[in-house]
Amino acid sequence: PISIKVLSVPSIHTLLNVKMSNADDQASSASTRAIIEHGDDPAPKKFSWPPLESNPEVFTNYLRSIGLSQNFAIGEVFGFDEDVLAFLPQPILGIIVCYERLIPKSEIRDVDKGAKENYDKVSFYMHQSKVLDNACGIIACLHAIFNSPATSVEIKPDTVLGKFRERTQSVTPSERCSALENDTDFQRMHKNYASKGQSQEITSDQSAVKHHFVAYVLNSEGQLVELDGTKAGPVILCD
């Protein structure tokens, strides 16, 4: 089963959250996320990043609480028929897919592993470490939001999200990873919203989480780029 999310900014400025079903009629969902900031104090102890529920209300409230403008929201897409897609606000700024990895890492093609040579193909890319275990949802949001045109997504500067962007604009993908690891303000907000909805049912056993969130954006050259922090770098899918 897979779950697909869409980040869009229409005339009414909304971030979209998409849901679909696979060929076997298994329920799948999709949603769009946004971003967060970092605190100055080091974490007093190891923080385990719990998974977020693929719930548009949870994500919208989370992102707005950390600095995303009230003009943006997370919505859902329930299918890919033209009639259904016609209801999506435009333009769509990014897509987030949640899927279960079934292919062993040893069998992944080299072209799909990403490359550090592609760092400069996007404005923002960050790595995901084991410390950030189940933070893939928010990392995918960061990838989608921070690679949108600066004039498209409104982020309040003196917020968790705004400060994180300011702090990590000119650093490396690995340094961005470290910044999020040690961002106590981000941790606090993440923990709060990870307990919303039905997510609280799985946060006690994070090994039960089998799915992974990945972002897809169009870069300034019009290329479709996959942004997965667990890979070596961005993956250029097509022009």
C-alpha atoms as a PDB file:
ATOM      1  CA  PRO A   1       0.000   0.000   0.000  1.00  0.00           C
ATOM      2  CA  ILE A   2       1.154   3.515  -0.683  1.00  0.00           C
ATOM      3  CA  SER A   3       0.008   6.889   0.450  1.00  0.00           C
ATOM      4  CA  ILE A   4       0.478  10.100  -1.514  1.00  0.00           C
ATOM      5  CA  LYS A   5       0.385  13.681  -0.267  1.00  0.00           C
ATOM      6  CA  VAL A   6       0.302  16.886  -2.222  1.00  0.00           C
ATOM      7  CA  LEU A   7       1.543  20.281  -1.182  1.00  0.00           C
ATOM      8  CA  SER A   8      -0.308  22.916  -3.155  1.00  0.00           C
ATOM      9  CA  VAL A   9      -0.881  26.620  -3.086  1.00  0.00           C
ATOM     10  CA  PRO A  10      -4.076  27.486  -4.933  1.00  0.00           C
ATOM     11  CA  SER A  11      -5.853  30.776  -5.194  1.00  0.00           C
ATOM     12  CA  ILE A  12      -7.091  30.062  -1.677  1.00  0.00           C
ATOM     13  CA  HIS A  13      -3.576  28.974  -0.708  1.00  0.00           C
ATOM     14  CA  THR A  14      -3.872  25.450   0.574  1.00  0.00           C
ATOM     15  CA  LEU A  15      -1.437  22.631   1.105  1.00  0.00           C
ATOM     16  CA  LEU A  16      -2.997  19.410  -0.079  1.00  0.00           C
ATOM     17  CA  ASN A  17      -3.079  16.012   1.499  1.00  0.00           C
ATOM     18  CA  VAL A  18      -3.854  13.184  -0.898  1.00  0.00           C
ATOM     19  CA  LYS A  19      -5.401   9.773  -0.378  1.00  0.00           C
ATOM     20  CA  MET A  20      -5.709   6.947  -2.872  1.00  0.00           C
ATOM     21  CA  SER A  21      -6.253   3.192  -3.052  1.00  0.00           C
ATOM     22  CA  ASN A  22      -3.908   0.732  -4.728  1.00  0.00           C
ATOM     23  CA  ALA A  23      -4.850  -1.829  -7.348  1.00  0.00           C
ATOM     24  CA  ASP A  24      -5.750  -4.313  -4.655  1.00  0.00           C
ATOM     25  CA  ASP A  25      -8.205  -1.866  -3.142  1.00  0.00           C
ATOM     26  CA  GLN A  26      -6.029  -1.529  -0.055  1.00  0.00           C
ATOM     27  CA  ALA A  27      -6.527   1.786   1.648  1.00  0.00           C
ATOM     28  CA  SER A  28      -3.734   4.272   0.990  1.00  0.00           C
ATOM     29  CA  SER A  29      -3.412   7.859   1.930  1.00  0.00           C
ATOM     30  CA  ALA A  30      -1.515  10.911   0.909  1.00  0.00           C
ATOM     31  CA  SER A  31      -0.815  14.142   2.582  1.00  0.00           C
ATOM     32  CA  THR A  32       1.232  17.276   2.468  1.00  0.00           C
ATOM     33  CA  ARG A  33       3.286  18.618   5.211  1.00  0.00           C
ATOM     34  CA  ALA A  34       5.318  21.619   6.050  1.00  0.00           C
ATOM     35  CA  ILE A  35       8.103  22.645   8.354  1.00  0.00           C
ATOM     36  CA  ILE A  36       9.527  23.427  11.764  1.00  0.00           C
ATOM     37  CA  GLU A  37      12.288  25.123  13.738  1.00  0.00           C
ATOM     38  CA  HIS A  38      15.033  24.458  16.208  1.00  0.00           C
ATOM     39  CA  GLY A  39      15.907  25.440  19.727  1.00  0.00           C
ATOM     40  CA  ASP A  40      19.230  26.613  21.061  1.00  0.00           C
ATOM     41  CA  ASP A  41      19.587  24.224  23.992  1.00  0.00           C
ATOM     42  CA  PRO A  42      20.954  20.720  23.349  1.00  0.00           C
ATOM     43  CA  ALA A  43      18.542  17.894  24.063  1.00  0.00           C
ATOM     44  CA  PRO A  44      19.063  16.751  27.654  1.00  0.00           C
ATOM     45  CA  LYS A  45      18.617  13.131  26.601  1.00  0.00           C
ATOM     46  CA  LYS A  46      18.119  11.108  23.448  1.00  0.00           C
ATOM     47  CA  PHE A  47      14.828  11.990  21.810  1.00  0.00           C
ATOM     48  CA  SER A  48      13.039   9.344  19.765  1.00  0.00           C
ATOM     49  CA  TRP A  49      11.088  11.051  17.009  1.00  0.00           C
ATOM     50  CA  PRO A  50       7.640   9.414  16.937  1.00  0.00           C
ATOM     51  CA  PRO A  51       5.705   8.958  13.681  1.00  0.00           C
ATOM     52  CA  LEU A  52       2.989  11.379  12.627  1.00  0.00           C
ATOM     53  CA  GLU A  53      -0.475  10.280  11.637  1.00  0.00           C
ATOM     54  CA  SER A  54      -1.290  10.823   7.965  1.00  0.00           C
ATOM     55  CA  ASN A  55      -4.122  13.093   8.956  1.00  0.00           C
ATOM     56  CA  PRO A  56      -4.662  16.466   7.229  1.00  0.00           C
ATOM     57  CA  GLU A  57      -5.989  18.140  10.372  1.00  0.00           C
ATOM     58  CA  VAL A  58      -3.040  16.964  12.483  1.00  0.00           C
ATOM     59  CA  PHE A  59      -0.534  18.121   9.873  1.00  0.00           C
ATOM     60  CA  THR A  60      -2.230  21.446   9.272  1.00  0.00           C
ATOM     61  CA  ASN A  61      -2.350  22.283  12.963  1.00  0.00           C
ATOM     62  CA  TYR A  62       1.246  21.124  13.457  1.00  0.00           C
ATOM     63  CA  LEU A  63       2.629  23.198  10.590  1.00  0.00           C
ATOM     64  CA  ARG A  64       0.695  26.304  11.513  1.00  0.00           C
ATOM     65  CA  SER A  65       1.817  26.001  15.116  1.00  0.00           C
ATOM     66  CA  ILE A  66       5.470  26.086  14.023  1.00  0.00           C
ATOM     67  CA  GLY A  67       5.180  29.005  11.632  1.00  0.00           C
ATOM     68  CA  LEU A  68       3.359  28.128   8.425  1.00  0.00           C
ATOM     69  CA  SER A  69       0.955  30.890   7.403  1.00  0.00           C
ATOM     70  CA  GLN A  70      -2.741  30.447   8.171  1.00  0.00           C
ATOM     71  CA  ASN A  71      -3.285  30.891   4.413  1.00  0.00           C
ATOM     72  CA  PHE A  72      -1.992  27.362   3.874  1.00  0.00           C
ATOM     73  CA  ALA A  73      -3.509  24.047   4.884  1.00  0.00           C
ATOM     74  CA  ILE A  74      -3.223  20.317   4.282  1.00  0.00           C
ATOM     75  CA  GLY A  75      -5.899  18.743   2.130  1.00  0.00           C
ATOM     76  CA  GLU A  76      -6.580  15.280   0.743  1.00  0.00           C
ATOM     77  CA  VAL A  77      -6.792  13.731  -2.694  1.00  0.00           C
ATOM     78  CA  PHE A  78      -8.953  10.646  -2.987  1.00  0.00           C
ATOM     79  CA  GLY A  79      -7.990   9.457  -6.449  1.00  0.00           C
ATOM     80  CA  PHE A  80      -6.306  10.263  -9.732  1.00  0.00           C
ATOM     81  CA  ASP A  81      -9.221  10.376 -12.117  1.00  0.00           C
ATOM     82  CA  GLU A  82      -9.404  13.666 -13.985  1.00  0.00           C
ATOM     83  CA  ASP A  83     -12.679  14.589 -12.294  1.00  0.00           C
ATOM     84  CA  VAL A  84     -11.129  14.073  -8.863  1.00  0.00           C
ATOM     85  CA  LEU A  85      -7.911  15.891  -9.689  1.00  0.00           C
ATOM     86  CA  ALA A  86      -9.896  18.849 -10.964  1.00  0.00           C
ATOM     87  CA  PHE A  87     -10.846  19.627  -7.365  1.00  0.00           C
ATOM     88  CA  LEU A  88      -7.207  20.120  -6.314  1.00  0.00           C
ATOM     89  CA  PRO A  89      -6.226  23.739  -5.713  1.00  0.00           C
ATOM     90  CA  GLN A  90      -3.478  24.946  -8.030  1.00  0.00           C
ATOM     91  CA  PRO A  91      -0.579  25.252  -8.276  1.00  0.00           C
ATOM     92  CA  ILE A  92       0.698  22.132  -6.519  1.00  0.00           C
ATOM     93  CA  LEU A  93       4.123  22.827  -5.038  1.00  0.00           C
ATOM     94  CA  GLY A  94       5.144  19.357  -3.962  1.00  0.00           C
ATOM     95  CA  ILE A  95       4.063  15.788  -3.374  1.00  0.00           C
ATOM     96  CA  ILE A  96       4.788  13.526  -0.418  1.00  0.00           C
ATOM     97  CA  VAL A  97       4.492   9.780  -0.811  1.00  0.00           C
ATOM     98  CA  CYS A  98       4.278   7.331   2.073  1.00  0.00           C
ATOM     99  CA  TYR A  99       5.061   3.785   1.087  1.00  0.00           C
ATOM    100  CA  GLU A 100       6.374   0.519   2.433  1.00  0.00           C
ATOM    101  CA  ARG A 101       9.809  -0.383   1.181  1.00  0.00           C
ATOM    102  CA  LEU A 102       9.658  -3.910  -0.182  1.00  0.00           C
ATOM    103  CA  ILE A 103      12.893  -3.941  -2.196  1.00  0.00           C
ATOM    104  CA  PRO A 104      16.042  -4.797  -0.177  1.00  0.00           C
ATOM    105  CA  LYS A 105      18.644  -2.024  -0.193  1.00  0.00           C
ATOM    106  CA  SER A 106      21.068  -4.396  -1.913  1.00  0.00           C
ATOM    107  CA  GLU A 107      18.714  -4.572  -4.904  1.00  0.00           C
ATOM    108  CA  ILE A 108      18.120  -0.834  -5.329  1.00  0.00           C
ATOM    109  CA  ARG A 109      19.454   0.421  -8.649  1.00  0.00           C
ATOM    110  CA  ASP A 110      22.390   2.830  -8.515  1.00  0.00           C
ATOM    111  CA  VAL A 111      20.358   5.458 -10.353  1.00  0.00           C
ATOM    112  CA  ASP A 112      17.774   5.358  -7.542  1.00  0.00           C
ATOM    113  CA  LYS A 113      20.259   5.769  -4.692  1.00  0.00           C
ATOM    114  CA  GLY A 114      20.699   9.511  -5.151  1.00  0.00           C
ATOM    115  CA  ALA A 115      23.972  11.396  -5.369  1.00  0.00           C
ATOM    116  CA  LYS A 116      25.677  14.265  -3.564  1.00  0.00           C
ATOM    117  CA  GLU A 117      26.388  15.705  -7.008  1.00  0.00           C
ATOM    118  CA  ASN A 118      22.662  16.542  -7.099  1.00  0.00           C
ATOM    119  CA  TYR A 119      22.737  18.683  -3.942  1.00  0.00           C
ATOM    120  CA  ASP A 120      22.692  21.859  -6.004  1.00  0.00           C
ATOM    121  CA  LYS A 121      19.699  20.698  -8.052  1.00  0.00           C
ATOM    122  CA  VAL A 122      17.398  21.899  -5.266  1.00  0.00           C
ATOM    123  CA  SER A 123      17.415  24.757  -2.781  1.00  0.00           C
ATOM    124  CA  PHE A 124      17.165  22.534   0.284  1.00  0.00           C
ATOM    125  CA  TYR A 125      18.139  18.930   0.955  1.00  0.00           C
ATOM    126  CA  MET A 126      18.881  17.287   4.291  1.00  0.00           C
ATOM    127  CA  HIS A 127      19.966  13.850   5.375  1.00  0.00           C
ATOM    128  CA  GLN A 128      17.996  11.680   7.782  1.00  0.00           C
ATOM    129  CA  SER A 129      19.984   9.855  10.459  1.00  0.00           C
ATOM    130  CA  LYS A 130      19.033   6.975  12.736  1.00  0.00           C
ATOM    131  CA  VAL A 131      18.534   9.557  15.476  1.00  0.00           C
ATOM    132  CA  LEU A 132      15.712  11.007  13.370  1.00  0.00           C
ATOM    133  CA  ASP A 133      14.192   7.515  13.136  1.00  0.00           C
ATOM    134  CA  ASN A 134      10.513   8.260  12.469  1.00  0.00           C
ATOM    135  CA  ALA A 135      10.911  11.944  11.583  1.00  0.00           C
ATOM    136  CA  CYS A 136      10.591  11.181   7.863  1.00  0.00           C
ATOM    137  CA  GLY A 137       7.145  12.799   7.716  1.00  0.00           C
ATOM    138  CA  ILE A 138       8.340  16.195   8.889  1.00  0.00           C
ATOM    139  CA  ILE A 139      11.548  15.916   6.854  1.00  0.00           C
ATOM    140  CA  ALA A 140       9.471  15.317   3.733  1.00  0.00           C
ATOM    141  CA  CYS A 141       7.487  18.432   4.635  1.00  0.00           C
ATOM    142  CA  LEU A 142      10.665  20.442   5.018  1.00  0.00           C
ATOM    143  CA  HIS A 143      11.816  19.261   1.609  1.00  0.00           C
ATOM    144  CA  ALA A 144       8.514  20.209  -0.003  1.00  0.00           C
ATOM    145  CA  ILE A 145       8.182  23.602   1.686  1.00  0.00           C
ATOM    146  CA  PHE A 146      11.784  24.820   1.477  1.00  0.00           C
ATOM    147  CA  ASN A 147      12.025  23.946  -2.213  1.00  0.00           C
ATOM    148  CA  SER A 148       8.948  25.975  -3.102  1.00  0.00           C
ATOM    149  CA  PRO A 149       9.443  29.452  -4.589  1.00  0.00           C
ATOM    150  CA  ALA A 150      10.202  31.899  -1.779  1.00  0.00           C
ATOM    151  CA  THR A 151       7.215  34.017  -2.733  1.00  0.00           C
ATOM    152  CA  SER A 152       4.807  31.069  -2.675  1.00  0.00           C
ATOM    153  CA  VAL A 153       4.972  29.751   0.868  1.00  0.00           C
ATOM    154  CA  GLU A 154       4.580  32.170   3.745  1.00  0.00           C
ATOM    155  CA  ILE A 155       6.583  31.316   6.868  1.00  0.00           C
ATOM    156  CA  LYS A 156       6.593  33.536   9.915  1.00  0.00           C
ATOM    157  CA  PRO A 157      10.248  34.422  10.624  1.00  0.00           C
ATOM    158  CA  ASP A 158      10.236  34.353  14.434  1.00  0.00           C
ATOM    159  CA  THR A 159       8.903  30.801  14.720  1.00  0.00           C
ATOM    160  CA  VAL A 160      10.279  27.280  14.978  1.00  0.00           C
ATOM    161  CA  LEU A 161       9.954  26.850  11.227  1.00  0.00           C
ATOM    162  CA  GLY A 162      11.231  30.298  10.327  1.00  0.00           C
ATOM    163  CA  LYS A 163      14.245  30.075  12.636  1.00  0.00           C
ATOM    164  CA  PHE A 164      15.109  26.602  11.380  1.00  0.00           C
ATOM    165  CA  ARG A 165      15.094  27.813   7.790  1.00  0.00           C
ATOM    166  CA  GLU A 166      17.213  30.841   8.640  1.00  0.00           C
ATOM    167  CA  ARG A 167      19.683  28.724  10.619  1.00  0.00           C
ATOM    168  CA  THR A 168      20.114  26.051   7.955  1.00  0.00           C
ATOM    169  CA  GLN A 169      19.992  27.988   4.686  1.00  0.00           C
ATOM    170  CA  SER A 170      23.744  27.982   4.108  1.00  0.00           C
ATOM    171  CA  VAL A 171      24.865  24.717   5.720  1.00  0.00           C
ATOM    172  CA  THR A 172      25.381  21.201   4.393  1.00  0.00           C
ATOM    173  CA  PRO A 173      22.732  18.440   4.270  1.00  0.00           C
ATOM    174  CA  SER A 174      24.498  16.659   7.148  1.00  0.00           C
ATOM    175  CA  GLU A 175      24.571  19.843   9.229  1.00  0.00           C
ATOM    176  CA  ARG A 176      20.844  20.317   8.616  1.00  0.00           C
ATOM    177  CA  CYS A 177      20.329  16.800   9.913  1.00  0.00           C
ATOM    178  CA  SER A 178      22.288  17.613  13.076  1.00  0.00           C
ATOM    179  CA  ALA A 179      20.376  20.872  13.503  1.00  0.00           C
ATOM    180  CA  LEU A 180      17.051  19.026  13.524  1.00  0.00           C
ATOM    181  CA  GLU A 181      18.392  16.309  15.824  1.00  0.00           C
ATOM    182  CA  ASN A 182      19.252  18.907  18.466  1.00  0.00           C
ATOM    183  CA  ASP A 183      16.306  21.244  17.951  1.00  0.00           C
ATOM    184  CA  THR A 184      14.484  21.002  21.270  1.00  0.00           C
ATOM    185  CA  ASP A 185      11.717  23.398  20.221  1.00  0.00           C
ATOM    186  CA  PHE A 186      11.053  21.226  17.178  1.00  0.00           C
ATOM    187  CA  GLN A 187      11.117  18.105  19.325  1.00  0.00           C
ATOM    188  CA  ARG A 188       8.564  19.515  21.724  1.00  0.00           C
ATOM    189  CA  MET A 189       6.136  20.477  18.965  1.00  0.00           C
ATOM    190  CA  HIS A 190       6.658  17.197  17.123  1.00  0.00           C
ATOM    191  CA  LYS A 191       5.987  15.120  20.219  1.00  0.00           C
ATOM    192  CA  ASN A 192       2.823  17.085  20.899  1.00  0.00           C
ATOM    193  CA  TYR A 193       1.337  16.512  17.451  1.00  0.00           C
ATOM    194  CA  ALA A 194       2.544  12.917  17.185  1.00  0.00           C
ATOM    195  CA  SER A 195       0.132  12.142  20.011  1.00  0.00           C
ATOM    196  CA  LYS A 196      -2.841  13.573  18.121  1.00  0.00           C
ATOM    197  CA  GLY A 197      -5.417  11.501  16.250  1.00  0.00           C
ATOM    198  CA  GLN A 198      -4.775   7.772  16.422  1.00  0.00           C
ATOM    199  CA  SER A 199      -0.980   8.123  16.313  1.00  0.00           C
ATOM    200  CA  GLN A 200      -0.753   7.602  20.063  1.00  0.00           C
ATOM    201  CA  GLU A 201      -1.587   3.951  19.463  1.00  0.00           C
ATOM    202  CA  ILE A 202       1.778   3.232  17.808  1.00  0.00           C
ATOM    203  CA  THR A 203       4.208   5.693  19.373  1.00  0.00           C
ATOM    204  CA  SER A 204       4.977   3.283  22.212  1.00  0.00           C
ATOM    205  CA  ASP A 205       6.402   0.756  19.732  1.00  0.00           C
ATOM    206  CA  GLN A 206       8.129   2.685  16.981  1.00  0.00           C
ATOM    207  CA  SER A 207       9.480  -0.515  15.439  1.00  0.00           C
ATOM    208  CA  ALA A 208       5.898  -1.144  14.317  1.00  0.00           C
ATOM    209  CA  VAL A 209       6.212   1.704  11.812  1.00  0.00           C
ATOM    210  CA  LYS A 210       6.885   0.126   8.414  1.00  0.00           C
ATOM    211  CA  HIS A 211       6.317   3.040   6.035  1.00  0.00           C
ATOM    212  CA  HIS A 212       8.498   5.920   4.916  1.00  0.00           C
ATOM    213  CA  PHE A 213       7.692   9.431   3.654  1.00  0.00           C
ATOM    214  CA  VAL A 214       9.455  10.883   0.609  1.00  0.00           C
ATOM    215  CA  ALA A 215       8.985  14.270  -1.078  1.00  0.00           C
ATOM    216  CA  TYR A 216       8.842  15.057  -4.804  1.00  0.00           C
ATOM    217  CA  VAL A 217       9.288  18.555  -6.204  1.00  0.00           C
ATOM    218  CA  LEU A 218       9.965  20.339  -9.483  1.00  0.00           C
ATOM    219  CA  ASN A 219      13.254  22.231  -9.387  1.00  0.00           C
ATOM    220  CA  SER A 220      14.106  25.485 -11.167  1.00  0.00           C
ATOM    221  CA  GLU A 221      15.093  23.521 -14.295  1.00  0.00           C
ATOM    222  CA  GLY A 222      11.704  21.828 -14.470  1.00  0.00           C
ATOM    223  CA  GLN A 223      13.089  18.445 -13.397  1.00  0.00           C
ATOM    224  CA  LEU A 224      11.101  16.112 -11.157  1.00  0.00           C
ATOM    225  CA  VAL A 225      13.277  15.425  -8.112  1.00  0.00           C
ATOM    226  CA  GLU A 226      12.887  12.809  -5.388  1.00  0.00           C
ATOM    227  CA  LEU A 227      14.021  13.987  -1.947  1.00  0.00           C
ATOM    228  CA  ASP A 228      14.626  11.162   0.508  1.00  0.00           C
ATOM    229  CA  GLY A 229      16.941  11.973   3.401  1.00  0.00           C
ATOM    230  CA  THR A 230      18.003   8.340   3.785  1.00  0.00           C
ATOM    231  CA  LYS A 231      19.611   8.353   0.333  1.00  0.00           C
ATOM    232  CA  ALA A 232      22.976   9.715  -0.741  1.00  0.00           C
ATOM    233  CA  GLY A 233      21.332  12.779  -2.254  1.00  0.00           C
ATOM    234  CA  PRO A 234      18.465  13.960  -4.470  1.00  0.00           C
ATOM    235  CA  VAL A 235      17.337  11.668  -7.301  1.00  0.00           C
ATOM    236  CA  ILE A 236      16.572  13.263 -10.678  1.00  0.00           C
ATOM    237  CA  LEU A 237      13.615  11.281 -12.009  1.00  0.00           C
ATOM    238  CA  CYS A 238      12.897  13.063 -15.257  1.00  0.00           C
ATOM    239  CA  ASP A 239      13.167  16.380 -17.108  1.00  0.00           C
END
